[in-house]
C-alpha atoms as a PDB file:
ATOM      1  CA  LEU A   1      -5.279  10.520  -6.178  1.00  0.00           C
ATOM      2  CA  GLN A   2      -2.232   7.956  -6.360  1.00  0.00           C
ATOM      3  CA  THR A   3      -5.062   5.466  -8.543  1.00  0.00           C
ATOM      4  CA  ARG A   4      -5.197   9.012 -11.040  1.00  0.00           C
ATOM      5  CA  MET A   5      -2.177  10.092 -11.158  1.00  0.00           C
ATOM      6  CA  GLN A   6      -0.380   6.673 -11.468  1.00  0.00           C
ATOM      7  CA  SER A   7      -2.752   6.216 -14.573  1.00  0.00           C
ATOM      8  CA  LEU A   8      -0.291   5.878 -18.165  1.00  0.00           C
ATOM      9  CA  GLN A   9      -2.952   7.599 -20.305  1.00  0.00           C
ATOM     10  CA  PRO A  10      -5.802   9.422 -18.624  1.00  0.00           C
ATOM     11  CA  ASP A  11      -8.748  11.194 -19.562  1.00  0.00           C
ATOM     12  CA  PRO A  12      -8.592  14.922 -21.051  1.00  0.00           C
ATOM     13  CA  LYS A  13     -10.396  15.725 -17.990  1.00  0.00           C
ATOM     14  CA  ALA A  14      -7.746  13.529 -15.447  1.00  0.00           C
ATOM     15  CA  GLN A  15      -4.576  15.279 -16.301  1.00  0.00           C
ATOM     16  CA  TYR A  16      -2.986  16.147 -13.461  1.00  0.00           C
ATOM     17  CA  ARG A  17       0.022  18.635 -12.692  1.00  0.00           C
ATOM     18  CA  GLY A  18      -0.257  18.564  -9.179  1.00  0.00           C
ATOM     19  CA  VAL A  19      -0.920  16.302  -6.564  1.00  0.00           C
ATOM     20  CA  TYR A  20      -3.313  20.059  -5.150  1.00  0.00           C
ATOM     21  CA  GLU A  21      -4.847  20.402  -9.020  1.00  0.00           C
ATOM     22  CA  ALA A  22      -5.975  17.052  -8.699  1.00  0.00           C
ATOM     23  CA  LEU A  23      -7.399  17.898  -5.447  1.00  0.00           C
ATOM     24  CA  LYS A  24      -9.182  20.762  -5.625  1.00  0.00           C
ATOM     25  CA  ARG A  25      -9.776  19.858  -9.388  1.00  0.00           C
ATOM     26  CA  MET A  26     -11.543  16.659  -7.673  1.00  0.00           C
ATOM     27  CA  VAL A  27     -13.763  18.263  -5.875  1.00  0.00           C
ATOM     28  CA  LEU A  28     -15.201  20.999  -7.655  1.00  0.00           C
ATOM     29  CA  THR A  29     -16.140  18.795 -10.044  1.00  0.00           C
ATOM     30  CA  GLU A  30     -16.875  14.952  -9.382  1.00  0.00           C
ATOM     31  CA  GLY A  31     -18.194  16.306  -5.243  1.00  0.00           C
ATOM     32  CA  PHE A  32     -16.700  16.268  -2.629  1.00  0.00           C
ATOM     33  CA  TRP A  33     -16.912  12.709  -1.161  1.00  0.00           C
ATOM     34  CA  ARG A  34     -15.033  11.590  -4.380  1.00  0.00           C
ATOM     35  CA  PRO A  35     -11.653  11.492  -3.054  1.00  0.00           C
ATOM     36  CA  LEU A  36     -12.709   9.725   0.121  1.00  0.00           C
ATOM     37  CA  ARG A  37     -13.960   6.748  -2.758  1.00  0.00           C
ATOM     38  CA  GLY A  38     -13.802   3.185  -1.555  1.00  0.00           C
ATOM     39  CA  ILE A  39     -12.908   3.608   2.138  1.00  0.00           C
ATOM     40  CA  ASN A  40     -15.392   1.466   2.839  1.00  0.00           C
ATOM     41  CA  VAL A  41     -13.659  -1.431   2.030  1.00  0.00           C
ATOM     42  CA  THR A  42     -10.141   0.161   2.811  1.00  0.00           C
ATOM     43  CA  MET A  43     -11.684  -0.366   6.557  1.00  0.00           C
ATOM     44  CA  LEU A  44     -13.178  -3.694   5.857  1.00  0.00           C
ATOM     45  CA  GLY A  45      -9.840  -5.320   4.620  1.00  0.00           C
ATOM     46  CA  ALA A  46      -7.740  -3.030   7.159  1.00  0.00           C
ATOM     47  CA  GLY A  47      -8.340  -4.374  10.247  1.00  0.00           C
ATOM     48  CA  PRO A  48      -7.988  -8.717  10.030  1.00  0.00           C
ATOM     49  CA  ALA A  49      -4.605  -7.675   7.771  1.00  0.00           C
ATOM     50  CA  HIS A  50      -3.140  -5.537   9.905  1.00  0.00           C
ATOM     51  CA  ALA A  51      -4.449  -7.712  12.890  1.00  0.00           C
ATOM     52  CA  LEU A  52      -2.147 -10.756  11.127  1.00  0.00           C
ATOM     53  CA  TYR A  53       0.804  -8.456   9.983  1.00  0.00           C
ATOM     54  CA  PHE A  54       1.459  -7.101  13.491  1.00  0.00           C
ATOM     55  CA  ALA A  55       0.858 -11.198  15.497  1.00  0.00           C
ATOM     56  CA  CYS A  56       3.098 -12.295  13.034  1.00  0.00           C
ATOM     57  CA  TYR A  57       5.566  -9.474  13.355  1.00  0.00           C
ATOM     58  CA  GLU A  58       5.989  -9.409  16.924  1.00  0.00           C
ATOM     59  CA  LYS A  59       6.267 -13.380  17.004  1.00  0.00           C
ATOM     60  CA  MET A  60       8.478 -13.015  13.871  1.00  0.00           C
ATOM     61  CA  LYS A  61      11.022 -10.333  15.413  1.00  0.00           C
ATOM     62  CA  LYS A  62      10.806 -11.984  18.624  1.00  0.00           C
ATOM     63  CA  SER A  63      12.242 -15.672  17.734  1.00  0.00           C
ATOM     64  CA  LEU A  64      14.380 -14.534  15.066  1.00  0.00           C
ATOM     65  CA  SER A  65      16.572 -12.163  17.115  1.00  0.00           C
ATOM     66  CA  ASP A  66      17.254 -14.897  19.756  1.00  0.00           C
ATOM     67  CA  VAL A  67      18.423 -16.442  16.815  1.00  0.00           C
ATOM     68  CA  PHE A  68      20.671 -14.059  14.725  1.00  0.00           C
ATOM     69  CA  GLN A  69      21.475 -11.185  17.794  1.00  0.00           C
ATOM     70  CA  PRO A  70      20.414 -13.306  21.182  1.00  0.00           C
ATOM     71  CA  GLY A  71      19.159  -9.700  24.202  1.00  0.00           C
ATOM     72  CA  GLY A  72      19.577  -7.615  20.845  1.00  0.00           C
ATOM     73  CA  ASN A  73      17.541  -6.035  18.130  1.00  0.00           C
ATOM     74  CA  SER A  74      18.923  -8.051  14.758  1.00  0.00           C
ATOM     75  CA  HIS A  75      17.583  -5.550  11.846  1.00  0.00           C
ATOM     76  CA  LEU A  76      17.556  -9.052   9.606  1.00  0.00           C
ATOM     77  CA  ALA A  77      15.256  -9.766  12.086  1.00  0.00           C
ATOM     78  CA  ASN A  78      12.812  -6.441  11.670  1.00  0.00           C
ATOM     79  CA  GLY A  79      13.730  -7.365   7.959  1.00  0.00           C
ATOM     80  CA  ILE A  80      12.675 -10.582   7.711  1.00  0.00           C
ATOM     81  CA  ALA A  81      10.448 -10.969  10.504  1.00  0.00           C
ATOM     82  CA  GLY A  82       8.508  -8.105   8.396  1.00  0.00           C
ATOM     83  CA  SER A  83       8.391  -9.487   4.993  1.00  0.00           C
ATOM     84  CA  VAL A  84       7.139 -12.178   5.695  1.00  0.00           C
ATOM     85  CA  ALA A  85       4.063 -10.873   7.743  1.00  0.00           C
ATOM     86  CA  THR A  86       3.151  -9.076   4.863  1.00  0.00           C
ATOM     87  CA  LEU A  87       2.178 -12.741   2.501  1.00  0.00           C
ATOM     88  CA  LEU A  88      -0.691 -12.691   5.382  1.00  0.00           C
ATOM     89  CA  HIS A  89      -1.257  -9.017   5.184  1.00  0.00           C
ATOM     90  CA  ASP A  90      -1.300  -9.051   0.737  1.00  0.00           C
ATOM     91  CA  ALA A  91      -3.082 -11.958   0.927  1.00  0.00           C
ATOM     92  CA  VAL A  92      -7.124 -10.659   2.922  1.00  0.00           C
ATOM     93  CA  MET A  93      -6.104  -6.864   1.128  1.00  0.00           C
ATOM     94  CA  ASN A  94      -5.478  -7.715  -1.764  1.00  0.00           C
ATOM     95  CA  PRO A  95      -9.003  -8.113  -2.771  1.00  0.00           C
ATOM     96  CA  ALA A  96      -9.875  -5.045  -1.196  1.00  0.00           C
ATOM     97  CA  GLU A  97      -7.478  -2.939  -3.665  1.00  0.00           C
ATOM     98  CA  VAL A  98      -8.684  -4.372  -6.365  1.00  0.00           C
ATOM     99  CA  VAL A  99     -11.582  -3.046  -5.164  1.00  0.00           C
ATOM    100  CA  LYS A 100     -10.870   0.277  -4.477  1.00  0.00           C
ATOM    101  CA  GLN A 101      -9.210   1.569  -7.166  1.00  0.00           C
ATOM    102  CA  ARG A 102     -11.771   0.381  -9.521  1.00  0.00           C
ATOM    103  CA  LEU A 103     -14.157   2.205  -7.962  1.00  0.00           C
ATOM    104  CA  GLN A 104     -11.071   5.821  -7.296  1.00  0.00           C
ATOM    105  CA  MET A 105     -10.518   5.656 -11.381  1.00  0.00           C
ATOM    106  CA  PHE A 106     -12.381   8.908 -13.778  1.00  0.00           C
ATOM    107  CA  ASN A 107     -15.396   8.183 -15.009  1.00  0.00           C
ATOM    108  CA  SER A 108     -16.185   4.620 -13.170  1.00  0.00           C
ATOM    109  CA  PRO A 109     -18.457   2.113 -14.432  1.00  0.00           C
ATOM    110  CA  TYR A 110     -18.520   0.966 -10.987  1.00  0.00           C
ATOM    111  CA  THR A 111     -21.448   2.541  -8.491  1.00  0.00           C
ATOM    112  CA  SER A 112     -20.767   0.743  -5.190  1.00  0.00           C
ATOM    113  CA  VAL A 113     -18.498  -1.902  -3.864  1.00  0.00           C
ATOM    114  CA  LEU A 114     -20.709  -5.589  -3.701  1.00  0.00           C
ATOM    115  CA  GLY A 115     -21.790  -4.467  -7.508  1.00  0.00           C
ATOM    116  CA  CYS A 116     -17.569  -3.928  -8.307  1.00  0.00           C
ATOM    117  CA  VAL A 117     -17.483  -7.335  -6.593  1.00  0.00           C
ATOM    118  CA  ARG A 118     -20.024  -8.914  -8.604  1.00  0.00           C
ATOM    119  CA  THR A 119     -19.728  -7.160 -11.698  1.00  0.00           C
ATOM    120  CA  VAL A 120     -15.744  -7.875 -11.977  1.00  0.00           C
ATOM    121  CA  HIS A 121     -16.421 -11.652 -10.524  1.00  0.00           C
ATOM    122  CA  ARG A 122     -18.933 -12.678 -13.657  1.00  0.00           C
ATOM    123  CA  THR A 123     -16.682 -11.185 -16.505  1.00  0.00           C
ATOM    124  CA  GLU A 124     -13.467 -11.639 -14.774  1.00  0.00           C
ATOM    125  CA  GLY A 125     -13.961 -14.304 -12.753  1.00  0.00           C
ATOM    126  CA  LEU A 126     -11.948 -15.037  -9.183  1.00  0.00           C
ATOM    127  CA  ALA A 127      -8.551 -14.998 -10.190  1.00  0.00           C
ATOM    128  CA  ALA A 128      -9.199 -10.857 -11.291  1.00  0.00           C
ATOM    129  CA  PHE A 129      -8.779 -10.745  -7.448  1.00  0.00           C
ATOM    130  CA  TYR A 130      -5.486 -11.788  -6.778  1.00  0.00           C
ATOM    131  CA  ARG A 131      -4.455 -10.784 -10.296  1.00  0.00           C
ATOM    132  CA  SER A 132      -1.957  -8.403  -8.988  1.00  0.00           C
ATOM    133  CA  TYR A 133      -0.525 -10.409  -5.752  1.00  0.00           C
ATOM    134  CA  THR A 134       2.486 -11.800  -6.985  1.00  0.00           C
ATOM    135  CA  THR A 135       3.210  -7.874  -7.651  1.00  0.00           C
ATOM    136  CA  GLN A 136       1.724  -6.923  -4.701  1.00  0.00           C
ATOM    137  CA  LEU A 137       4.212  -8.894  -2.688  1.00  0.00           C
ATOM    138  CA  THR A 138       7.182  -8.386  -5.149  1.00  0.00           C
ATOM    139  CA  MET A 139       6.527  -4.352  -4.131  1.00  0.00           C
ATOM    140  CA  ASN A 140       4.941  -5.209  -0.613  1.00  0.00           C
ATOM    141  CA  VAL A 141       7.910  -8.048   0.799  1.00  0.00           C
ATOM    142  CA  PRO A 142      11.359  -5.204  -0.364  1.00  0.00           C
ATOM    143  CA  PHE A 143       8.693  -2.136   0.809  1.00  0.00           C
ATOM    144  CA  GLN A 144       8.033  -3.992   4.703  1.00  0.00           C
ATOM    145  CA  ALA A 145      11.758  -4.943   4.506  1.00  0.00           C
ATOM    146  CA  ILE A 146      12.243  -1.552   4.210  1.00  0.00           C
ATOM    147  CA  HIS A 147       9.226   0.036   6.567  1.00  0.00           C
ATOM    148  CA  PHE A 148      10.545  -1.539   9.193  1.00  0.00           C
ATOM    149  CA  ILE A 149      14.087  -1.531   9.339  1.00  0.00           C
ATOM    150  CA  THR A 150      14.099   2.281   9.057  1.00  0.00           C
ATOM    151  CA  TYR A 151      11.446   1.799  12.022  1.00  0.00           C
ATOM    152  CA  GLU A 152      13.575   0.034  14.347  1.00  0.00           C
ATOM    153  CA  LEU A 153      17.080   1.921  12.982  1.00  0.00           C
ATOM    154  CA  LEU A 154      15.294   6.038  13.785  1.00  0.00           C
ATOM    155  CA  GLN A 155      13.799   3.950  17.535  1.00  0.00           C
ATOM    156  CA  GLU A 156      17.307   2.892  17.865  1.00  0.00           C
ATOM    157  CA  HIS A 157      18.853   6.998  18.226  1.00  0.00           C
ATOM    158  CA  LEU A 158      15.190   8.780  19.342  1.00  0.00           C
ATOM    159  CA  ASN A 159      14.035   6.039  21.300  1.00  0.00           C
ATOM    160  CA  PRO A 160      17.493   4.061  22.883  1.00  0.00           C
ATOM    161  CA  GLN A 161      15.184   2.506  25.642  1.00  0.00           C
ATOM    162  CA  ARG A 162      12.479   1.625  23.566  1.00  0.00           C
ATOM    163  CA  LEU A 163       9.614   3.390  26.013  1.00  0.00           C
ATOM    164  CA  TYR A 164       6.820   4.308  25.234  1.00  0.00           C
ATOM    165  CA  GLN A 165       6.991   7.806  23.616  1.00  0.00           C
ATOM    166  CA  PRO A 166       4.735   9.266  21.869  1.00  0.00           C
ATOM    167  CA  GLY A 167       6.285  11.991  19.033  1.00  0.00           C
ATOM    168  CA  SER A 168       9.618   9.127  18.451  1.00  0.00           C
ATOM    169  CA  HIS A 169       7.236   6.549  17.295  1.00  0.00           C
ATOM    170  CA  VAL A 170       5.204   9.427  14.779  1.00  0.00           C
ATOM    171  CA  VAL A 171       8.682  10.470  13.453  1.00  0.00           C
ATOM    172  CA  ALA A 172       9.923   6.753  13.208  1.00  0.00           C
ATOM    173  CA  GLY A 173       6.724   5.820  11.306  1.00  0.00           C
ATOM    174  CA  ALA A 174       6.777   8.931   8.507  1.00  0.00           C
ATOM    175  CA  VAL A 175      10.012   9.004   7.428  1.00  0.00           C
ATOM    176  CA  ALA A 176      10.278   5.433   7.718  1.00  0.00           C
ATOM    177  CA  GLY A 177       7.190   5.097   5.352  1.00  0.00           C
ATOM    178  CA  ALA A 178       8.488   8.222   3.256  1.00  0.00           C
ATOM    179  CA  VAL A 179      11.640   5.978   2.098  1.00  0.00           C
ATOM    180  CA  ALA A 180       9.497   2.394   1.317  1.00  0.00           C
ATOM    181  CA  ALA A 181       7.522   4.805  -0.426  1.00  0.00           C
ATOM    182  CA  ALA A 182       9.976   6.163  -3.167  1.00  0.00           C
ATOM    183  CA  ALA A 183      11.779   3.332  -2.763  1.00  0.00           C
ATOM    184  CA  THR A 184       9.195   0.581  -4.220  1.00  0.00           C
ATOM    185  CA  THR A 185       6.741   2.799  -6.673  1.00  0.00           C
ATOM    186  CA  PRO A 186       8.018   1.823  -9.697  1.00  0.00           C
ATOM    187  CA  LEU A 187       6.105  -1.854  -8.717  1.00  0.00           C
ATOM    188  CA  ASP A 188       2.438   0.479  -7.333  1.00  0.00           C
ATOM    189  CA  VAL A 189       2.500   1.409 -11.146  1.00  0.00           C
ATOM    190  CA  CYS A 190       2.906  -2.331 -12.209  1.00  0.00           C
ATOM    191  CA  LYS A 191       0.269  -3.591  -9.373  1.00  0.00           C
ATOM    192  CA  THR A 192      -2.194   0.098 -10.125  1.00  0.00           C
ATOM    193  CA  LEU A 193      -2.469  -1.146 -14.159  1.00  0.00           C
ATOM    194  CA  LEU A 194      -3.245  -4.816 -13.149  1.00  0.00           C
ATOM    195  CA  ASN A 195      -5.796  -3.844 -10.666  1.00  0.00           C
ATOM    196  CA  THR A 196      -7.408  -1.106 -12.998  1.00  0.00           C
ATOM    197  CA  GLN A 197      -6.785  -2.878 -16.506  1.00  0.00           C
ATOM    198  CA  GLU A 198      -6.888   0.593 -17.496  1.00  0.00           C
ATOM    199  CA  ASN A 199      -8.885  -0.210 -20.939  1.00  0.00           C
ATOM    200  CA  THR A 200      -7.260   3.423 -22.633  1.00  0.00           C
ATOM    201  CA  ALA A 201      -3.985   2.086 -22.100  1.00  0.00           C
ATOM    202  CA  LEU A 202      -4.414  -2.340 -23.128  1.00  0.00           C
ATOM    203  CA  SER A 203      -6.828  -0.780 -26.270  1.00  0.00           C
ATOM    204  CA  SER A 204      -4.026   1.927 -27.805  1.00  0.00           C
ATOM    205  CA  LEU A 205      -1.041  -1.240 -27.888  1.00  0.00           C
ATOM    206  CA  ASN A 206      -3.964  -3.818 -28.764  1.00  0.00           C
ATOM    207  CA  VAL A 207      -3.767  -5.787 -26.280  1.00  0.00           C
ATOM    208  CA  ARG A 208      -6.955  -8.071 -26.090  1.00  0.00           C
ATOM    209  CA  GLY A 209      -8.678  -9.367 -23.139  1.00  0.00           C
ATOM    210  CA  HIS A 210      -6.772  -8.355 -19.513  1.00  0.00           C
ATOM    211  CA  LEU A 211      -3.259  -8.119 -19.131  1.00  0.00           C
ATOM    212  CA  SER A 212      -1.504  -9.981 -16.449  1.00  0.00           C
ATOM    213  CA  GLY A 213       1.803 -11.117 -14.981  1.00  0.00           C
ATOM    214  CA  MET A 214       4.167  -8.549 -13.248  1.00  0.00           C
ATOM    215  CA  ALA A 215       6.624  -8.848 -17.117  1.00  0.00           C
ATOM    216  CA  ASN A 216       4.308  -7.550 -19.300  1.00  0.00           C
ATOM    217  CA  ALA A 217       2.756  -4.538 -16.417  1.00  0.00           C
ATOM    218  CA  PHE A 218       6.712  -3.293 -16.834  1.00  0.00           C
ATOM    219  CA  SER A 219       6.975  -4.091 -20.325  1.00  0.00           C
ATOM    220  CA  THR A 220       3.174  -2.391 -21.237  1.00  0.00           C
ATOM    221  CA  ILE A 221       4.602   0.902 -18.579  1.00  0.00           C
ATOM    222  CA  TYR A 222       8.313   1.169 -20.303  1.00  0.00           C
ATOM    223  CA  GLN A 223       6.483   1.837 -24.151  1.00  0.00           C
ATOM    224  CA  LEU A 224       3.837   4.238 -22.720  1.00  0.00           C
ATOM    225  CA  GLY A 225       6.168   6.568 -20.617  1.00  0.00           C
ATOM    226  CA  GLY A 226       8.990   4.596 -20.234  1.00  0.00           C
ATOM    227  CA  LEU A 227      11.193   5.175 -17.041  1.00  0.00           C
ATOM    228  CA  PRO A 228       9.677   8.441 -15.902  1.00  0.00           C
ATOM    229  CA  GLY A 229       6.549   6.001 -16.048  1.00  0.00           C
ATOM    230  CA  PHE A 230       7.386   4.231 -13.634  1.00  0.00           C
ATOM    231  CA  PHE A 231       7.816   6.903 -11.394  1.00  0.00           C
ATOM    232  CA  LYS A 232       3.928   8.468 -11.882  1.00  0.00           C
ATOM    233  CA  GLY A 233       1.848   9.599  -8.983  1.00  0.00           C
ATOM    234  CA  VAL A 234       5.357   8.978  -6.358  1.00  0.00           C
ATOM    235  CA  GLN A 235       5.096  12.436  -4.929  1.00  0.00           C
ATOM    236  CA  ALA A 236       0.904  11.627  -4.222  1.00  0.00           C
ATOM    237  CA  ARG A 237       2.429   8.069  -3.213  1.00  0.00           C
ATOM    238  CA  VAL A 238       4.557   9.737  -0.398  1.00  0.00           C
ATOM    239  CA  ILE A 239       2.227  11.962   1.063  1.00  0.00           C
ATOM    240  CA  TYR A 240      -0.646   9.112   1.454  1.00  0.00           C
ATOM    241  CA  GLN A 241       2.736   6.892   2.777  1.00  0.00           C
ATOM    242  CA  MET A 242       4.183   9.179   5.668  1.00  0.00           C
ATOM    243  CA  PRO A 243       0.377  10.087   7.369  1.00  0.00           C
ATOM    244  CA  SER A 244      -0.410   5.681   7.530  1.00  0.00           C
ATOM    245  CA  THR A 245       2.304   4.594   8.652  1.00  0.00           C
ATOM    246  CA  ALA A 246       2.665   7.573  11.012  1.00  0.00           C
ATOM    247  CA  ILE A 247      -0.389   6.488  12.709  1.00  0.00           C
ATOM    248  CA  ALA A 248      -0.466   3.156  11.857  1.00  0.00           C
ATOM    249  CA  TRP A 249       2.067   2.625  14.382  1.00  0.00           C
ATOM    250  CA  SER A 250       1.540   5.016  16.860  1.00  0.00           C
ATOM    251  CA  VAL A 251      -1.574   3.415  17.591  1.00  0.00           C
ATOM    252  CA  TYR A 252      -0.601   0.619  17.513  1.00  0.00           C
ATOM    253  CA  GLU A 253       1.692   1.112  19.940  1.00  0.00           C
ATOM    254  CA  LEU A 254      -0.464   3.146  22.316  1.00  0.00           C
ATOM    255  CA  PHE A 255      -2.127  -0.727  22.620  1.00  0.00           C
ATOM    256  CA  LYS A 256       0.608  -2.276  23.154  1.00  0.00           C
ATOM    257  CA  TYR A 257       1.902  -0.339  25.408  1.00  0.00           C
ATOM    258  CA  LEU A 258      -2.014   0.366  26.666  1.00  0.00           C
ATOM    259  CA  LEU A 259      -2.432  -3.751  26.753  1.00  0.00           C
ATOM    260  CA  SER A 260       0.996  -4.325  28.574  1.00  0.00           C
ATOM    261  CA  ARG A 261       0.668  -2.342  31.358  1.00  0.00           C
ATOM    262  CA  GLN A 262      -3.286  -4.056  32.187  1.00  0.00           C
ATOM    263  CA  ALA A 263      -1.415  -7.375  31.708  1.00  0.00           C
ATOM    264  CA  LEU A 264       1.573  -6.047  34.382  1.00  0.00           C
ATOM    265  CA  GLU A 265      -0.818  -4.980  36.848  1.00  0.00           C
ATOM    266  CA  LYS A 266      -3.200  -7.676  36.637  1.00  0.00           C
END
C-alpha cells in the first residue's frame, strides 16, 4: 500500500483516496494475495539484516554509554549506536527493497523475485540495486536515531528497572516507530522513486535514462507534487511501522530474556 500510495503519477486504476480504499480495491481487482507481494524477498533479507542490526546496536550502545555516561543510559549513545547499526542493516536490505518495491508496483512487469533480479541486473546493471542506498541511509540514520532514542526514553518511564515486560516493549516500540516514520516520510518518498524508477512520472518530465541521486529525486517530487508530494503515503507508512517496530522489539526482547536466563542458569 505504501509503495502504491507514494506513486507520483499513478495509473487511473491505482489512484486511492485512503489506506482502506486502496486495500479493498487491490484485493477485489488483483486478488487476495496481491498486498503480500514481495514478502518472500523481504523475509530473505530481514534475517541477516536484523541480526547485524541488533548485534551492532547492543555492542555500540554499551561501549558508548560507558564513555558518555558511565553506569547510566545515554541518549546520545543510543542514537549513535542506532545510526551505525543502520549502515550494516541497509547494506543487506537495500537490494531486497528494490526487488520488493518493483514487484509491488501497479501492473508490475515482474512475475517473480528471481525474474526481477535477472531483468534489473541485465538492463540496469548491479548499481541499480544500490541506487537508493545513500537516500536509504539519509532516511534511516535519522529514522533509527529517533526510533532508538524514543524507545529507550519510553522504557525509562514505562520500565525503569529494565525487566522483561512484554507490554512496555510493545507500546514503546509502536510509539517509537510511529514518531520516526512520520518524521522521515519525505525521504521515504524519494527512496521509493529511486527504487521503482516510475516510468510515467519520469516521462512527463522528459527524464531520459534512470533517475539517480537524492537531489534529483527531491527535485522531481517537488516538480510533480509540490510540498504535499513529500508526504504521500504518510498514513500507510505510520500504520505499517507501528506494528512492525512493536513486533520487532517485543520478539527481540523476548529472545534476549530467554537467552540471558539460559546463560545465567548454566
